[in-house]
N, C-alpha and C. Protein backbone atom coordinates (compact mmCIF):
# COMPACT_ATOMS: atom_id res chain seq x y z
N MET A 1 -11.06 23.55 -4.47
CA MET A 1 -10.01 22.98 -5.07
C MET A 1 -10.38 21.81 -3.63
N VAL A 2 -10.21 21.82 -2.13
CA VAL A 2 -10.73 21.29 -1.52
C VAL A 2 -11.74 20.64 -2.34
N LEU A 3 -12.91 21.02 -2.38
CA LEU A 3 -13.81 20.12 -2.40
C LEU A 3 -13.63 19.68 -3.89
N LYS A 4 -13.35 19.39 -4.79
CA LYS A 4 -12.59 18.16 -5.91
C LYS A 4 -11.81 17.24 -4.33
N MET A 5 -11.62 17.51 -3.94
CA MET A 5 -10.22 16.59 -3.50
C MET A 5 -10.85 15.91 -2.55
N ARG A 6 -12.09 16.23 -1.77
CA ARG A 6 -13.48 15.62 -0.76
C ARG A 6 -14.04 14.53 -1.67
N GLU A 7 -13.84 14.77 -3.12
CA GLU A 7 -15.17 14.54 -4.21
C GLU A 7 -14.42 13.47 -4.37
N LYS A 8 -13.72 13.27 -4.02
CA LYS A 8 -12.48 12.14 -5.45
C LYS A 8 -11.96 10.95 -4.60
N LYS A 9 -12.32 11.27 -2.76
CA LYS A 9 -11.31 10.93 -1.87
C LYS A 9 -12.20 9.48 -2.07
N SER A 10 -11.11 8.23 -1.65
CA SER A 10 -11.68 7.24 -2.41
C SER A 10 -11.29 6.71 -1.08
N ARG A 11 -11.94 5.50 -0.74
CA ARG A 11 -11.61 3.94 -0.37
C ARG A 11 -10.99 2.77 -0.33
N ILE A 12 -10.58 1.82 0.57
CA ILE A 12 -9.45 0.33 0.05
C ILE A 12 -11.08 -0.57 -0.54
N LYS A 13 -11.59 0.00 0.11
CA LYS A 13 -13.08 -1.27 -0.45
C LYS A 13 -13.24 -0.66 -1.37
N ASP A 14 -13.01 0.53 -2.09
CA ASP A 14 -14.00 1.59 -3.87
C ASP A 14 -13.25 0.95 -4.92
N ILE A 15 -11.86 -0.09 -4.79
CA ILE A 15 -11.35 -0.57 -6.05
C ILE A 15 -12.07 -1.65 -6.14
N PRO A 16 -11.82 -1.79 -7.87
CA PRO A 16 -12.08 -2.33 -8.14
C PRO A 16 -11.68 -4.83 -8.18
N ASP A 17 -12.43 -5.54 -8.29
CA ASP A 17 -11.49 -6.61 -7.93
C ASP A 17 -10.47 -7.22 -9.53
N LYS A 18 -9.58 -6.47 -9.60
CA LYS A 18 -8.90 -6.92 -10.38
C LYS A 18 -7.24 -6.72 -9.56
N LEU A 19 -6.96 -7.81 -11.12
CA LEU A 19 -5.21 -8.01 -10.84
C LEU A 19 -4.50 -6.60 -11.08
N TYR A 20 -4.75 -6.03 -12.22
CA TYR A 20 -3.88 -5.33 -12.42
C TYR A 20 -4.36 -4.06 -12.75
N PHE A 21 -4.08 -2.67 -12.85
CA PHE A 21 -4.64 -1.20 -13.25
C PHE A 21 -3.44 -0.68 -14.18
N ARG A 22 -4.16 0.26 -14.47
CA ARG A 22 -3.43 1.06 -15.12
C ARG A 22 -3.20 2.43 -15.00
N ILE A 23 -2.49 2.72 -14.96
CA ILE A 23 -2.08 4.18 -14.29
C ILE A 23 -2.97 5.46 -13.85
N GLY A 24 -4.35 5.54 -15.03
CA GLY A 24 -5.01 6.18 -15.50
C GLY A 24 -6.01 5.52 -14.56
N GLU A 25 -6.15 4.69 -14.33
CA GLU A 25 -7.40 3.56 -13.44
C GLU A 25 -7.27 4.06 -11.83
N VAL A 26 -5.36 3.94 -12.12
CA VAL A 26 -5.49 4.14 -10.51
C VAL A 26 -5.55 5.60 -10.03
N SER A 27 -4.97 6.61 -11.25
CA SER A 27 -5.22 8.25 -10.57
C SER A 27 -6.82 8.39 -10.53
N ASN A 28 -7.98 8.01 -11.19
CA ASN A 28 -9.49 8.01 -11.12
C ASN A 28 -9.57 7.34 -9.16
N ILE A 29 -9.23 6.27 -9.25
CA ILE A 29 -9.05 5.82 -8.12
C ILE A 29 -8.56 6.60 -6.74
N ALA A 30 -7.82 7.07 -6.74
CA ALA A 30 -6.54 7.19 -5.85
C ALA A 30 -7.32 9.49 -5.45
N GLY A 31 -7.73 10.08 -7.34
CA GLY A 31 -8.35 11.12 -7.00
C GLY A 31 -6.86 11.85 -6.52
N ILE A 32 -5.77 11.61 -7.60
CA ILE A 32 -4.14 12.31 -7.60
C ILE A 32 -4.13 12.48 -9.69
N PRO A 33 -3.32 13.24 -9.93
CA PRO A 33 -3.01 13.06 -11.40
C PRO A 33 -2.09 12.17 -11.84
N ALA A 34 -1.47 11.68 -12.41
CA ALA A 34 -0.82 9.99 -13.40
C ALA A 34 0.59 10.61 -12.57
N TYR A 35 0.90 12.02 -12.78
CA TYR A 35 2.58 12.72 -13.14
C TYR A 35 2.48 12.75 -11.42
N VAL A 36 1.53 13.10 -10.51
CA VAL A 36 2.15 12.45 -9.39
C VAL A 36 1.91 10.99 -8.69
N LEU A 37 1.26 10.31 -9.38
CA LEU A 37 1.93 8.44 -9.42
C LEU A 37 3.07 8.68 -9.53
N ARG A 38 3.70 8.83 -10.80
CA ARG A 38 5.65 8.73 -10.93
C ARG A 38 6.19 9.27 -10.73
N PHE A 39 5.65 10.60 -10.23
CA PHE A 39 6.75 11.18 -9.46
C PHE A 39 6.94 10.31 -8.09
N TRP A 40 5.43 9.56 -7.50
CA TRP A 40 5.70 8.86 -6.30
C TRP A 40 6.74 7.38 -5.59
N GLU A 41 6.67 6.95 -7.46
CA GLU A 41 7.06 5.95 -7.15
C GLU A 41 8.81 5.90 -7.72
N THR A 42 9.05 7.25 -7.39
CA THR A 42 10.98 8.03 -7.47
C THR A 42 10.92 7.96 -5.80
N GLU A 43 9.88 8.39 -4.63
CA GLU A 43 10.47 8.83 -3.79
C GLU A 43 9.98 7.53 -2.91
N PHE A 44 9.00 6.72 -3.07
CA PHE A 44 8.47 5.68 -2.62
C PHE A 44 9.47 3.91 -2.71
N SER A 45 10.38 3.52 -2.73
CA SER A 45 10.36 2.38 -3.27
C SER A 45 9.44 1.42 -3.14
N ARG A 46 9.00 1.34 -2.31
CA ARG A 46 7.79 -0.06 -2.34
C ARG A 46 6.90 0.57 -3.78
N ILE A 47 6.37 1.32 -3.96
CA ILE A 47 5.40 1.58 -4.89
C ILE A 47 6.61 0.49 -6.53
N ARG A 48 6.17 -0.17 -6.37
CA ARG A 48 6.85 -0.76 -7.93
C ARG A 48 6.11 -1.16 -9.27
N PRO A 49 5.68 -0.34 -9.62
CA PRO A 49 4.37 -1.31 -10.59
C PRO A 49 5.08 -2.42 -11.39
N LYS A 50 4.19 -2.96 -11.87
CA LYS A 50 4.70 -3.80 -13.25
C LYS A 50 5.06 -2.84 -14.52
N ARG A 51 5.86 -3.50 -15.75
CA ARG A 51 5.87 -2.63 -16.79
C ARG A 51 5.28 -3.77 -17.95
N THR A 52 4.42 -3.59 -19.07
CA THR A 52 4.10 -4.13 -20.12
C THR A 52 5.09 -3.49 -21.50
N ALA A 53 5.53 -5.17 -21.59
CA ALA A 53 6.40 -4.52 -23.53
C ALA A 53 6.72 -3.26 -23.39
N ALA A 54 5.37 -3.11 -23.46
CA ALA A 54 5.27 -1.16 -24.30
C ALA A 54 5.52 -0.26 -22.72
N GLY A 55 6.08 -0.69 -21.47
CA GLY A 55 6.21 0.24 -20.78
C GLY A 55 5.43 0.53 -19.94
N GLN A 56 3.87 0.50 -19.82
CA GLN A 56 2.82 0.39 -19.81
C GLN A 56 3.00 0.37 -18.09
N ARG A 57 2.26 0.52 -17.04
CA ARG A 57 2.35 0.23 -15.97
C ARG A 57 1.68 0.01 -15.62
N LEU A 58 1.31 -1.19 -14.74
CA LEU A 58 0.29 -1.81 -14.51
C LEU A 58 1.23 -2.52 -13.01
N TYR A 59 -0.15 -1.64 -12.05
CA TYR A 59 -0.25 -1.46 -10.24
C TYR A 59 -1.31 -2.57 -10.03
N THR A 60 -0.83 -3.64 -8.88
CA THR A 60 -1.24 -4.24 -8.28
C THR A 60 -2.39 -3.71 -6.99
N ARG A 61 -2.99 -4.81 -6.93
CA ARG A 61 -4.25 -4.15 -5.24
C ARG A 61 -3.70 -3.64 -4.40
N ALA A 62 -2.67 -4.40 -3.60
CA ALA A 62 -1.61 -4.07 -2.81
C ALA A 62 -1.04 -1.97 -3.37
N ASP A 63 -0.38 -2.35 -4.52
CA ASP A 63 0.23 -1.11 -4.76
C ASP A 63 -0.61 0.48 -4.39
N ILE A 64 -2.18 0.31 -5.03
CA ILE A 64 -3.44 0.83 -4.63
C ILE A 64 -2.86 0.52 -3.44
N GLU A 65 -3.78 -0.10 -1.93
CA GLU A 65 -3.95 0.02 -1.19
C GLU A 65 -2.68 1.59 0.02
N LEU A 66 -1.23 0.72 -0.61
CA LEU A 66 0.03 1.56 -0.38
C LEU A 66 -0.62 3.37 -0.85
N ILE A 67 -0.52 4.03 -1.83
CA ILE A 67 -0.97 4.48 -2.68
C ILE A 67 -2.14 5.21 -1.34
N LEU A 68 -3.30 4.77 -1.73
CA LEU A 68 -4.42 5.54 -0.53
C LEU A 68 -3.37 5.77 0.48
N LYS A 69 -3.06 5.12 1.45
CA LYS A 69 -2.22 5.61 2.44
C LYS A 69 -0.94 6.70 2.59
N ILE A 70 -0.40 6.32 1.76
CA ILE A 70 0.65 7.75 1.25
C ILE A 70 0.10 8.58 0.78
N LYS A 71 -1.26 9.17 0.19
CA LYS A 71 -2.17 9.96 -0.19
C LYS A 71 -2.71 10.99 1.40
N LYS A 72 -3.73 10.01 2.07
CA LYS A 72 -3.58 10.15 3.17
C LYS A 72 -2.85 11.05 4.15
N LEU A 73 -1.78 9.85 3.99
CA LEU A 73 -0.59 10.49 5.03
C LEU A 73 -0.44 12.29 4.42
N LEU A 74 -0.24 12.05 3.64
CA LEU A 74 0.61 13.59 2.59
C LEU A 74 -0.19 14.72 2.23
N TYR A 75 -1.54 13.89 2.09
CA TYR A 75 -2.68 14.91 1.89
C TYR A 75 -3.67 15.86 3.65
N GLU A 76 -4.28 14.60 3.84
CA GLU A 76 -4.83 15.21 5.36
C GLU A 76 -3.63 14.85 6.21
N LYS A 77 -3.05 14.31 7.22
CA LYS A 77 -2.40 13.91 8.48
C LYS A 77 -0.65 15.42 7.67
N LYS A 78 -0.66 15.68 6.19
CA LYS A 78 0.32 16.80 6.36
C LYS A 78 1.70 16.53 6.83
N PHE A 79 1.81 15.37 6.52
CA PHE A 79 3.60 15.13 6.32
C PHE A 79 3.99 15.43 4.90
N THR A 80 5.37 15.26 5.69
CA THR A 80 6.49 15.36 4.55
C THR A 80 6.46 14.84 3.94
N ILE A 81 6.79 14.59 2.99
CA ILE A 81 7.35 12.60 1.85
C ILE A 81 8.55 12.11 2.94
N GLN A 82 9.53 12.57 3.11
CA GLN A 82 10.36 12.20 4.51
C GLN A 82 9.96 11.78 5.75
N GLY A 83 8.66 12.41 5.73
CA GLY A 83 7.99 11.92 7.57
C GLY A 83 7.29 10.62 7.29
N ALA A 84 6.67 11.10 6.05
CA ALA A 84 5.75 9.99 5.38
C ALA A 84 6.80 8.57 4.63
N ARG A 85 7.64 8.27 4.26
CA ARG A 85 8.30 7.31 3.52
C ARG A 85 9.63 6.86 4.97
N GLN A 86 9.46 7.27 6.05
CA GLN A 86 9.89 6.84 7.86
C GLN A 86 8.69 6.68 8.82
N HIS A 87 7.47 6.85 8.28
CA HIS A 87 5.90 6.41 8.62
C HIS A 87 5.91 4.84 8.51
N LEU A 88 6.09 5.10 7.06
CA LEU A 88 5.75 3.13 6.45
C LEU A 88 6.65 2.50 6.84
N SER A 89 8.12 2.93 7.03
CA SER A 89 8.73 2.00 7.50
C SER A 89 9.11 1.70 9.07
N VAL A 90 8.54 2.31 9.56
CA VAL A 90 8.24 2.22 11.21
C VAL A 90 6.74 1.24 11.51
N ARG A 91 6.04 1.15 10.21
CA ARG A 91 4.86 0.45 10.34
C ARG A 91 4.98 -1.11 9.68
N SER A 92 5.95 -0.32 8.90
CA SER A 92 6.26 -1.75 8.01
C SER A 92 6.85 -2.58 9.18
N ARG A 93 7.78 -2.33 9.53
CA ARG A 93 8.93 -3.12 10.57
C ARG A 93 7.89 -3.36 11.55
N LYS A 94 6.96 -2.44 12.48
CA LYS A 94 6.42 -3.11 13.55
C LYS A 94 5.32 -4.61 13.03
N SER A 95 4.90 -4.16 11.87
CA SER A 95 4.01 -5.37 10.94
C SER A 95 4.84 -7.12 10.93
N GLU A 96 6.33 -6.75 10.77
CA GLU A 96 7.22 -7.41 10.28
C GLU A 96 6.94 -8.57 11.74
N ALA A 97 7.46 -7.59 12.74
CA ALA A 97 7.53 -7.98 14.30
C ALA A 97 6.52 -8.85 14.67
N SER A 98 5.46 -7.76 14.20
CA SER A 98 4.14 -9.07 14.84
C SER A 98 3.56 -10.26 14.23
N GLU A 99 3.97 -10.45 12.87
CA GLU A 99 3.66 -11.71 11.66
C GLU A 99 5.01 -12.44 12.72
N LYS A 100 6.30 -11.96 13.05
CA LYS A 100 7.77 -12.91 13.29
C LYS A 100 6.41 -13.47 15.01
N GLN A 101 5.55 -13.00 15.68
CA GLN A 101 5.79 -13.36 16.84
C GLN A 101 4.65 -14.34 16.22
N LEU A 102 3.38 -13.77 16.31
CA LEU A 102 2.25 -14.53 15.91
C LEU A 102 2.82 -16.16 15.58
N LEU A 103 3.60 -16.42 14.40
CA LEU A 103 4.23 -17.66 13.94
C LEU A 103 4.79 -18.37 14.75
N ALA A 104 6.02 -17.83 16.32
CA ALA A 104 6.53 -17.84 16.19
C ALA A 104 5.29 -18.71 17.71
N ASP A 105 4.73 -18.04 18.59
CA ASP A 105 3.20 -18.65 19.11
C ASP A 105 2.61 -19.44 18.66
N LEU A 106 2.37 -20.15 17.02
CA LEU A 106 1.51 -20.51 16.30
C LEU A 106 3.00 -22.03 16.50
N HIS A 107 3.63 -21.56 15.93
CA HIS A 107 4.67 -22.46 15.79
C HIS A 107 4.52 -23.42 17.56
N ALA A 108 4.86 -22.70 18.11
CA ALA A 108 5.23 -23.60 20.10
C ALA A 108 3.39 -23.90 20.13
N GLU A 109 2.55 -23.18 19.35
CA GLU A 109 1.23 -24.09 20.01
C GLU A 109 1.33 -25.67 19.51
N LEU A 110 1.71 -25.52 17.93
CA LEU A 110 1.40 -26.54 16.96
C LEU A 110 2.12 -28.06 18.13
N LYS A 111 3.57 -26.88 18.44
CA LYS A 111 4.68 -28.08 19.39
C LYS A 111 3.93 -28.80 20.55
N SER A 112 2.94 -27.24 21.43
CA SER A 112 2.73 -28.54 22.00
C SER A 112 0.98 -29.71 21.88
N LEU A 113 0.12 -29.38 20.60
CA LEU A 113 -0.38 -30.56 20.09
C LEU A 113 0.38 -31.69 19.77
N ARG A 114 1.27 -31.48 18.94
CA ARG A 114 1.98 -32.59 18.77
C ARG A 114 2.93 -33.55 20.17
N ASP A 115 2.98 -32.59 20.98
CA ASP A 115 3.79 -33.48 22.34
C ASP A 115 2.47 -34.15 23.41
N LEU A 116 0.97 -33.50 22.74
CA LEU A 116 0.06 -34.60 23.86
C LEU A 116 -0.73 -35.53 22.99
N LEU A 117 -0.16 -35.61 21.61
CA LEU A 117 -0.83 -36.64 20.82
C LEU A 117 0.29 -37.72 20.65
N ASP A 118 1.44 -37.52 22.10
CA ASP A 118 2.25 -38.78 21.20
C ASP A 118 2.08 -39.24 22.20
């Protein structure tokens, strides 16, 4: 079992350059069964694939990257599902805060450039 997990280990750079992926493709890329992906959709609100008229799930590259992060947290770092959920929410809040700070810095820099031109 451990060998299979190592063989199927996937990296973000291994994701093909496509807009949408079906659940079977995501299962192969991530190296986890489709039923685990369906379960994770119920546990992690950020995984929300689009649905076709026939009800098939269509995952984006961002969804797959998130799935790979969740897989790493659960399988390699041995987080619980609740712990992984908390870890991801803390990281997203930090990311949002850093983005806001970056925008504020950029805004201040643009203002100073405008003042120099006036």
